[in-house]
Protein backbone atom coordinates (compact mmCIF):
# COMPACT_ATOMS: atom_id res chain seq x y z
CA UNK A 1 8.81 -42.67 -2.70
CA UNK A 2 11.03 -39.83 -4.25
CA UNK A 3 11.16 -36.51 -2.27
CA UNK A 4 12.33 -33.47 -4.18
CA UNK A 5 13.39 -30.71 -1.81
CA UNK A 6 13.96 -27.23 -3.34
CA UNK A 7 17.54 -25.94 -3.03
CA UNK A 8 16.32 -22.41 -2.38
CA UNK A 9 13.85 -23.43 0.27
CA UNK A 10 13.93 -21.52 3.64
CA UNK A 11 15.48 -18.44 4.90
CA UNK A 12 16.69 -15.74 2.26
CA UNK A 13 19.71 -13.54 3.03
CA UNK A 14 17.47 -10.66 4.42
CA UNK A 15 15.49 -12.85 6.83
CA UNK A 16 18.65 -14.82 8.04
CA UNK A 17 20.37 -11.40 8.60
CA UNK A 18 17.40 -9.92 10.71
CA UNK A 19 16.83 -13.14 12.80
CA UNK A 20 20.62 -13.86 13.43
CA UNK A 21 21.11 -10.15 14.32
CA UNK A 22 18.13 -10.23 16.73
CA UNK A 23 19.56 -13.40 18.41
CA UNK A 24 23.06 -11.65 18.78
CA UNK A 25 21.53 -8.46 20.30
CA UNK A 26 19.49 -10.75 22.88
CA UNK A 27 22.82 -12.40 23.84
CA UNK A 28 24.56 -8.86 24.36
CA UNK A 29 21.49 -7.71 26.42
CA UNK A 30 21.77 -10.37 29.09
CA UNK A 31 18.19 -10.13 30.14
CA UNK A 32 17.59 -6.59 29.42
CA UNK A 33 14.45 -5.89 27.29
CA UNK A 34 14.99 -5.44 23.57
CA UNK A 35 12.06 -4.38 21.39
CA UNK A 36 11.17 -5.10 17.70
CA UNK A 37 8.58 -2.95 15.80
CA UNK A 38 6.30 -5.42 14.12
CA UNK A 39 7.02 -9.16 13.50
CA UNK A 40 10.58 -9.59 12.57
CA UNK A 41 9.52 -12.03 9.90
CA UNK A 42 6.24 -13.64 9.06
CA UNK A 43 6.67 -17.05 10.76
CA UNK A 44 4.87 -17.87 14.11
CA UNK A 45 7.52 -20.33 15.12
CA UNK A 46 10.42 -17.93 14.74
CA UNK A 47 8.42 -15.23 16.72
CA UNK A 48 7.77 -17.59 19.54
CA UNK A 49 11.35 -18.68 19.73
CA UNK A 50 12.59 -14.95 19.97
CA UNK A 51 9.93 -14.11 22.48
CA UNK A 52 11.20 -17.03 24.50
CA UNK A 53 14.62 -15.39 24.50
CA UNK A 54 13.37 -12.02 25.50
CA UNK A 55 12.50 -10.12 22.53
CA UNK A 56 9.37 -7.85 22.91
CA UNK A 57 7.13 -7.20 19.90
CA UNK A 58 5.40 -3.96 19.70
CA UNK A 59 3.32 -2.22 17.08
CA UNK A 60 3.99 1.49 17.91
CA UNK A 61 7.44 3.13 18.26
CA UNK A 62 6.03 5.00 21.21
CA UNK A 63 5.94 1.81 23.25
CA UNK A 64 9.61 1.13 22.97
CA UNK A 65 11.58 1.86 26.12
CA UNK A 66 15.11 0.75 24.97
CA UNK A 67 17.10 -0.68 22.14
CA UNK A 68 14.73 -1.36 19.14
CA UNK A 69 15.15 -3.65 16.21
CA UNK A 70 13.91 -2.68 12.75
CA UNK A 71 12.56 -5.84 11.08
CA UNK A 72 13.45 -7.19 7.71
CA UNK A 73 10.47 -5.53 6.02
CA UNK A 74 11.64 -2.05 6.84
CA UNK A 75 9.65 0.84 8.43
CA UNK A 76 8.15 4.23 7.44
CA UNK A 77 10.51 7.07 6.92
CA UNK A 78 8.96 9.06 9.65
CA UNK A 79 9.54 6.43 12.29
CA UNK A 80 13.34 7.07 11.95
CA UNK A 81 12.68 10.66 12.93
CA UNK A 82 10.49 9.71 15.86
CA UNK A 83 13.11 7.23 17.22
CA UNK A 84 15.79 9.83 16.89
CA UNK A 85 13.56 12.31 18.81
CA UNK A 86 12.98 9.67 21.64
CA UNK A 87 16.73 8.92 21.56
CA UNK A 88 16.17 5.29 20.93
CA UNK A 89 19.00 3.13 19.83
CA UNK A 90 17.80 1.54 16.66
CA UNK A 91 19.27 -1.69 15.29
CA UNK A 92 18.22 -1.57 11.64
CA UNK A 93 17.85 -5.03 10.15
CA UNK A 94 16.02 -3.86 7.16
CA UNK A 95 16.74 -6.08 4.11
CA UNK A 96 19.35 -4.46 1.81
CA UNK A 97 17.12 -5.18 -1.02
CA UNK A 98 14.26 -3.10 0.64
CA UNK A 99 16.60 -0.31 1.45
CA UNK A 100 17.62 -0.16 -2.18
CA UNK A 101 14.00 0.34 -3.22
CA UNK A 102 13.61 3.22 -0.74
CA UNK A 103 16.64 4.80 -2.23
CA UNK A 104 15.44 4.50 -5.83
CA UNK A 105 12.02 5.94 -4.90
CA UNK A 106 13.63 8.94 -3.10
CA UNK A 107 15.93 9.66 -5.88
CA UNK A 108 13.05 9.69 -8.56
CA UNK A 109 10.81 11.71 -6.35
CA UNK A 110 13.44 14.41 -6.27
CA UNK A 111 13.56 14.16 -10.08
CA UNK A 112 9.69 14.71 -10.44
CA UNK A 113 8.69 11.17 -11.35
CA UNK A 114 5.30 9.63 -10.72
CA UNK A 115 5.68 6.23 -9.17
CA UNK A 116 3.74 2.95 -9.54
CA UNK A 117 4.58 0.43 -6.77
CA UNK A 118 3.50 -3.13 -7.68
CA UNK A 119 2.66 -5.09 -4.45
CA UNK A 120 0.09 -5.46 -1.79
CA UNK A 121 -0.84 -2.09 -0.26
CA UNK A 122 -1.07 -3.37 3.19
CA UNK A 123 1.97 -5.45 3.21
CA UNK A 124 4.55 -4.07 5.85
CA UNK A 125 7.31 -3.69 3.28
CA UNK A 126 5.13 -1.62 1.03
CA UNK A 127 3.69 0.51 3.95
CA UNK A 128 7.39 1.46 4.58
CA UNK A 129 8.30 2.01 0.91
CA UNK A 130 5.22 4.22 0.21
CA UNK A 131 6.49 6.60 2.76
CA UNK A 132 9.63 7.20 0.40
CA UNK A 133 7.41 7.81 -2.68
CA UNK A 134 6.07 11.09 -2.04
CA UNK A 135 2.48 12.35 -2.97
CA UNK A 136 2.53 11.14 -6.55
CA UNK A 137 2.20 7.32 -6.21
CA UNK A 138 -0.26 4.59 -7.16
CA UNK A 139 -0.14 1.00 -5.82
CA UNK A 140 -0.84 -1.72 -8.27
CA UNK A 141 -1.79 -5.11 -6.68
CA UNK A 142 -3.00 -6.88 -9.77
CA UNK A 143 -3.47 -6.36 -13.48
CA UNK A 144 -7.05 -4.85 -12.84
CA UNK A 145 -5.46 -1.92 -11.09
CA UNK A 146 -3.43 -0.75 -13.99
CA UNK A 147 -6.23 1.30 -15.75
CA UNK A 148 -6.87 3.49 -12.51
CA UNK A 149 -3.19 3.94 -11.94
CA UNK A 150 -2.72 5.13 -15.46
CA UNK A 151 -5.70 7.47 -15.05
CA UNK A 152 -4.18 9.03 -11.80
CA UNK A 153 -0.91 9.49 -13.89
CA UNK A 154 -2.74 11.34 -16.67
CA UNK A 155 -4.65 13.49 -14.12
CA UNK A 156 -1.38 14.57 -12.49
CA UNK A 157 0.15 15.81 -15.90
CA UNK A 158 3.51 14.36 -14.92
CA UNK A 159 5.48 13.14 -17.90
CA UNK A 160 7.92 10.74 -16.06
CA UNK A 161 6.96 7.39 -14.54
CA UNK A 162 8.90 5.01 -12.40
CA UNK A 163 7.74 1.51 -11.80
CA UNK A 164 9.03 -0.33 -8.76
CA UNK A 165 8.01 -3.66 -7.09
CA UNK A 166 7.63 -5.37 -3.74
CA UNK A 167 10.76 -7.58 -3.24
CA UNK A 168 8.54 -10.74 -3.10
CA UNK A 169 6.12 -9.88 -5.86
CA UNK A 170 5.05 -12.63 -8.49
CA UNK A 171 7.46 -12.60 -11.38
CA UNK A 172 4.73 -13.87 -13.80
CA UNK A 173 2.17 -11.18 -12.71
CA UNK A 174 4.71 -8.45 -13.13
CA UNK A 175 5.19 -9.55 -16.71
CA UNK A 176 1.53 -9.08 -17.33
CA UNK A 177 1.48 -5.74 -15.74
CA UNK A 178 4.49 -4.40 -17.44
CA UNK A 179 3.00 -5.20 -20.82
CA UNK A 180 -0.18 -3.54 -19.84
CA UNK A 181 1.54 -0.41 -18.69
CA UNK A 182 3.77 -0.15 -21.77
CA UNK A 183 0.60 -0.53 -23.96
CA UNK A 184 -1.52 2.21 -22.18
CA UNK A 185 0.71 4.90 -20.92
CA UNK A 186 0.65 8.21 -22.91
CA UNK A 187 3.29 8.34 -25.63
CA UNK A 188 4.83 11.58 -24.06
CA UNK A 189 5.57 10.02 -20.80
CA UNK A 190 9.14 8.82 -20.09
CA UNK A 191 9.05 5.31 -18.62
CA UNK A 192 11.67 3.83 -16.15
CA UNK A 193 11.08 0.34 -14.89
CA UNK A 194 13.35 -0.96 -12.08
CA UNK A 195 12.59 -4.64 -11.45
CA UNK A 196 13.10 -4.77 -7.74
CA UNK A 197 11.91 -8.36 -7.14
CA UNK A 198 14.93 -9.75 -5.29
CA UNK A 199 17.00 -12.44 -6.94
CA UNK A 200 16.18 -14.96 -4.20
CA UNK A 201 12.41 -14.56 -4.81
CA UNK A 202 12.91 -15.07 -8.55
CA UNK A 203 14.92 -18.25 -8.13
CA UNK A 204 12.51 -19.71 -5.44
CA UNK A 205 9.57 -19.13 -7.64
CA UNK A 206 11.15 -20.55 -10.78
CA UNK A 207 12.31 -23.56 -8.75
CA UNK A 208 8.81 -24.08 -7.27
CA UNK A 209 7.31 -24.14 -10.68
CA UNK A 210 10.00 -26.69 -12.07
CA UNK A 211 9.62 -29.07 -9.04
CA UNK A 212 5.79 -28.90 -9.17
CA UNK A 213 5.82 -30.03 -12.75
CA UNK A 214 7.72 -33.05 -11.94
CA UNK A 215 5.81 -34.30 -8.89
CA UNK A 216 2.45 -35.94 -8.02
CA UNK A 217 2.12 -34.07 -4.74
CA UNK A 218 3.55 -30.60 -3.80
CA UNK A 219 3.99 -29.24 -0.32
CA UNK A 220 4.73 -25.57 0.48
CA UNK A 221 5.93 -24.89 3.99
CA UNK A 222 5.51 -21.26 5.43
CA UNK A 223 3.53 -18.84 7.65
CA UNK A 224 -0.14 -18.29 6.97
CA UNK A 225 0.62 -14.46 6.87
CA UNK A 226 3.67 -14.76 4.65
CA UNK A 227 3.25 -12.96 1.31
CA UNK A 228 6.03 -14.93 -0.55
CA UNK A 229 4.75 -18.26 0.78
CA UNK A 230 1.17 -17.41 -0.74
CA UNK A 231 2.88 -16.77 -4.15
CA UNK A 232 4.67 -20.14 -3.91
CA UNK A 233 1.50 -21.90 -3.23
CA UNK A 234 -0.19 -20.19 -6.15
CA UNK A 235 2.64 -21.32 -8.40
CA UNK A 236 2.58 -24.83 -6.97
CA UNK A 237 -1.04 -25.13 -7.39
CA UNK A 238 -0.98 -23.91 -11.01
CA UNK A 239 1.56 -26.62 -11.95
CA UNK A 240 0.61 -29.58 -9.65
CA UNK A 241 -3.03 -30.32 -8.93
CA UNK A 242 -2.33 -31.90 -5.53
CA UNK A 243 -0.59 -28.96 -3.74
CA UNK A 244 -0.91 -27.95 -0.15
CA UNK A 245 0.38 -25.15 2.06
CA UNK A 246 1.27 -25.89 5.80
CA UNK A 247 2.91 -24.17 8.53
CA UNK A 248 4.31 -27.04 10.48
CA UNK A 249 4.75 -30.89 10.12
CA UNK A 250 1.66 -31.42 12.37
CA UNK A 251 -0.49 -30.39 9.33
CA UNK A 252 0.93 -33.26 7.11
CA UNK A 253 -1.71 -35.57 5.79
CA UNK A 254 0.55 -38.75 5.77
CA UNK A 255 -2.12 -41.23 4.57
CA UNK A 256 -2.76 -39.01 1.49
CA UNK A 257 1.04 -38.51 0.89
CA UNK A 258 1.59 -42.30 0.86
CA UNK A 259 -0.47 -42.52 -2.46
CA UNK A 260 2.05 -40.67 -4.35
CA UNK A 261 5.44 -41.61 -5.88
CA UNK A 262 6.95 -38.15 -6.18
CA UNK A 263 6.62 -35.44 -3.51
CA UNK A 264 7.95 -31.88 -3.92
CA UNK A 265 8.84 -29.66 -0.89
CA UNK A 266 9.54 -26.01 -1.02
CA UNK A 267 9.56 -23.38 1.79
CA UNK A 268 8.99 -19.67 2.05
CA UNK A 269 11.73 -17.10 2.84
CA UNK A 270 10.68 -16.90 6.54
CA UNK A 271 10.66 -20.70 7.15
CA UNK A 272 13.42 -21.92 9.41
CA UNK A 273 15.58 -24.74 8.35
CA UNK A 274 14.46 -27.07 11.34
CA UNK A 275 10.93 -27.01 10.14
CA UNK A 276 11.75 -28.08 6.73
CA UNK A 277 13.99 -30.83 7.95
CA UNK A 278 11.15 -32.03 10.29
CA UNK A 279 8.65 -32.13 7.33
CA UNK A 280 11.08 -34.07 5.16
CA UNK A 281 12.10 -36.57 7.78
CA UNK A 282 8.53 -37.35 8.63
CA UNK A 283 7.67 -38.06 4.98
CA UNK A 284 10.77 -40.24 4.87
């Protein structure tokens, strides 16, 4: 059996930076409680490991009673103000790519732009990003949302439009949405498109497609609540009929895998290296 493991599988730069940063802060704390606002990354195994080291996960900044970590996905603009008022020591591990989107949004709000944000409305990253977009903003999750977004733009009478994207958004889906926006926005509207999908996401999605086309069986490893993992599974399934998504090696169906000659393995941006290695070693 041949196993093809994606070179881009596992932690992206932003996730590694946040997880490594949290571990360093826990070491320095020497048993003193450190808080994290929301899940630092979307992976149960990583969360469990950090909890075991003393990290306390909270959902409301008001529950923080000491040093508090800002996760890779970022936070709402107003939370920074609340933390400052409460004199909390914030350790900001927001992914630099997410911070860049916040900056782009703020700059264009000041210039009077309407904003289209492509991504999942309830995803933590976008909840934070929306707080930097002002009042004139519409969220586009799928192609079906484009007409209503354009209608909101028309009603606003704003003649400048900025399009930004969730860092882990689907590259293929964005191509379709971009085409629809260009076809249907009024001619007198100035359009600025900033493709803010991070480079690591693009590479991982492209590599997943390439591997899935070569193999008989495709395995995607990642958290069930991970947006980028779900997109990898969609890509894998579209290019390989026998594609599964698992969180850990315990979910492997070895009797099924043994039927195939070529097996592909890819992992989401929040999947730790040890989980990937365990899956590959068990298949071997």
